[in-house]
Amino acid sequence: MTVVKTHYHRRQSTAPDDRGEGVISAAIAVLIMAFLGVGMWVAFNATFQHTAKNVNNQVNCIGQTTSSSSC
């Protein structure tokens, strides 16, 4: 049996090396999504707190007389 060793020649390119481009793009996309998530959470939390305050106010007004000015 004869063993033949194959040599692959690397192509010499004058173009810049782009091997890390996909990793960098993925990292940027992850950071953008993280910032969007934080912004959405802040908006949701503020809306929820405001809504909870209004609901509590309305629940406290149930059964009170109309002379109260807060209801």
C-alpha atoms as a PDB file:
ATOM      1  CA  MET A   1       0.000   0.000   0.000  1.00  0.00           C
ATOM      2  CA  THR A   2       1.310   3.426  -0.944  1.00  0.00           C
ATOM      3  CA  VAL A   3       0.584   6.501   1.158  1.00  0.00           C
ATOM      4  CA  VAL A   4       0.280   9.713  -0.762  1.00  0.00           C
ATOM      5  CA  LYS A   5       0.526  12.992   1.112  1.00  0.00           C
ATOM      6  CA  THR A   6      -1.503  15.776  -0.379  1.00  0.00           C
ATOM      7  CA  HIS A   7      -0.377  19.357   0.062  1.00  0.00           C
ATOM      8  CA  TYR A   8      -2.932  22.113  -0.198  1.00  0.00           C
ATOM      9  CA  HIS A   9      -1.488  25.435  -1.110  1.00  0.00           C
ATOM     10  CA  ARG A  10      -2.947  28.427   0.664  1.00  0.00           C
ATOM     11  CA  ARG A  11      -4.104  31.060  -1.683  1.00  0.00           C
ATOM     12  CA  GLN A  12      -2.251  34.287  -1.117  1.00  0.00           C
ATOM     13  CA  SER A  13      -4.792  37.053  -0.948  1.00  0.00           C
ATOM     14  CA  THR A  14      -4.245  40.776  -0.869  1.00  0.00           C
ATOM     15  CA  ALA A  15      -7.673  41.274   0.729  1.00  0.00           C
ATOM     16  CA  PRO A  16      -7.791  41.947   4.484  1.00  0.00           C
ATOM     17  CA  ASP A  17      -8.558  39.081   6.842  1.00  0.00           C
ATOM     18  CA  ASP A  18     -12.324  38.965   7.577  1.00  0.00           C
ATOM     19  CA  ARG A  19     -12.415  35.866   9.783  1.00  0.00           C
ATOM     20  CA  GLY A  20     -13.600  37.733  12.894  1.00  0.00           C
ATOM     21  CA  GLU A  21     -16.256  39.788  11.143  1.00  0.00           C
ATOM     22  CA  GLY A  22     -19.147  37.449  12.015  1.00  0.00           C
ATOM     23  CA  VAL A  23     -18.258  37.339  15.692  1.00  0.00           C
ATOM     24  CA  ILE A  24     -18.066  41.112  15.907  1.00  0.00           C
ATOM     25  CA  SER A  25     -21.390  41.521  14.109  1.00  0.00           C
ATOM     26  CA  ALA A  26     -23.044  39.007  16.436  1.00  0.00           C
ATOM     27  CA  ALA A  27     -21.678  40.818  19.492  1.00  0.00           C
ATOM     28  CA  ILE A  28     -23.007  44.149  18.232  1.00  0.00           C
ATOM     29  CA  ALA A  29     -26.422  42.573  17.585  1.00  0.00           C
ATOM     30  CA  VAL A  30     -26.471  41.123  21.116  1.00  0.00           C
ATOM     31  CA  LEU A  31     -25.609  44.506  22.628  1.00  0.00           C
ATOM     32  CA  ILE A  32     -28.335  46.241  20.618  1.00  0.00           C
ATOM     33  CA  MET A  33     -30.896  43.662  21.720  1.00  0.00           C
ATOM     34  CA  ALA A  34     -29.789  44.048  25.349  1.00  0.00           C
ATOM     35  CA  PHE A  35     -30.229  47.830  25.230  1.00  0.00           C
ATOM     36  CA  LEU A  36     -33.650  47.431  23.605  1.00  0.00           C
ATOM     37  CA  GLY A  37     -34.633  44.974  26.317  1.00  0.00           C
ATOM     38  CA  VAL A  38     -33.558  47.354  29.077  1.00  0.00           C
ATOM     39  CA  GLY A  39     -35.467  50.210  27.471  1.00  0.00           C
ATOM     40  CA  MET A  40     -38.587  48.103  27.105  1.00  0.00           C
ATOM     41  CA  TRP A  41     -38.345  46.971  30.739  1.00  0.00           C
ATOM     42  CA  VAL A  42     -38.020  50.561  31.984  1.00  0.00           C
ATOM     43  CA  ALA A  43     -41.042  51.632  29.917  1.00  0.00           C
ATOM     44  CA  PHE A  44     -43.087  48.637  31.071  1.00  0.00           C
ATOM     45  CA  ASN A  45     -42.154  49.146  34.716  1.00  0.00           C
ATOM     46  CA  ALA A  46     -43.086  52.842  34.637  1.00  0.00           C
ATOM     47  CA  THR A  47     -46.408  52.061  32.937  1.00  0.00           C
ATOM     48  CA  PHE A  48     -47.146  49.262  35.400  1.00  0.00           C
ATOM     49  CA  GLN A  49     -46.377  51.445  38.438  1.00  0.00           C
ATOM     50  CA  HIS A  50     -48.619  54.233  37.125  1.00  0.00           C
ATOM     51  CA  THR A  51     -51.431  51.795  36.373  1.00  0.00           C
ATOM     52  CA  ALA A  52     -51.140  50.103  39.775  1.00  0.00           C
ATOM     53  CA  LYS A  53     -51.357  53.498  41.488  1.00  0.00           C
ATOM     54  CA  ASN A  54     -54.511  54.405  39.544  1.00  0.00           C
ATOM     55  CA  VAL A  55     -56.122  51.012  40.202  1.00  0.00           C
ATOM     56  CA  ASN A  56     -55.397  51.261  43.926  1.00  0.00           C
ATOM     57  CA  ASN A  57     -56.911  54.737  43.981  1.00  0.00           C
ATOM     58  CA  GLN A  58     -60.057  53.527  42.224  1.00  0.00           C
ATOM     59  CA  VAL A  59     -60.382  50.480  44.499  1.00  0.00           C
ATOM     60  CA  ASN A  60     -60.082  52.703  47.568  1.00  0.00           C
ATOM     61  CA  CYS A  61     -62.858  54.932  46.201  1.00  0.00           C
ATOM     62  CA  ILE A  62     -65.354  52.067  45.978  1.00  0.00           C
ATOM     63  CA  GLY A  63     -68.069  52.482  48.591  1.00  0.00           C
ATOM     64  CA  GLN A  64     -67.076  55.980  49.670  1.00  0.00           C
ATOM     65  CA  THR A  65     -69.477  58.863  49.641  1.00  0.00           C
ATOM     66  CA  THR A  66     -69.356  61.421  46.842  1.00  0.00           C
ATOM     67  CA  SER A  67     -68.256  64.184  49.229  1.00  0.00           C
ATOM     68  CA  SER A  68     -64.658  62.944  49.023  1.00  0.00           C
ATOM     69  CA  SER A  69     -62.630  65.015  46.529  1.00  0.00           C
ATOM     70  CA  SER A  70     -59.988  62.356  45.740  1.00  0.00           C
ATOM     71  CA  CYS A  71     -62.440  60.062  43.895  1.00  0.00           C
END
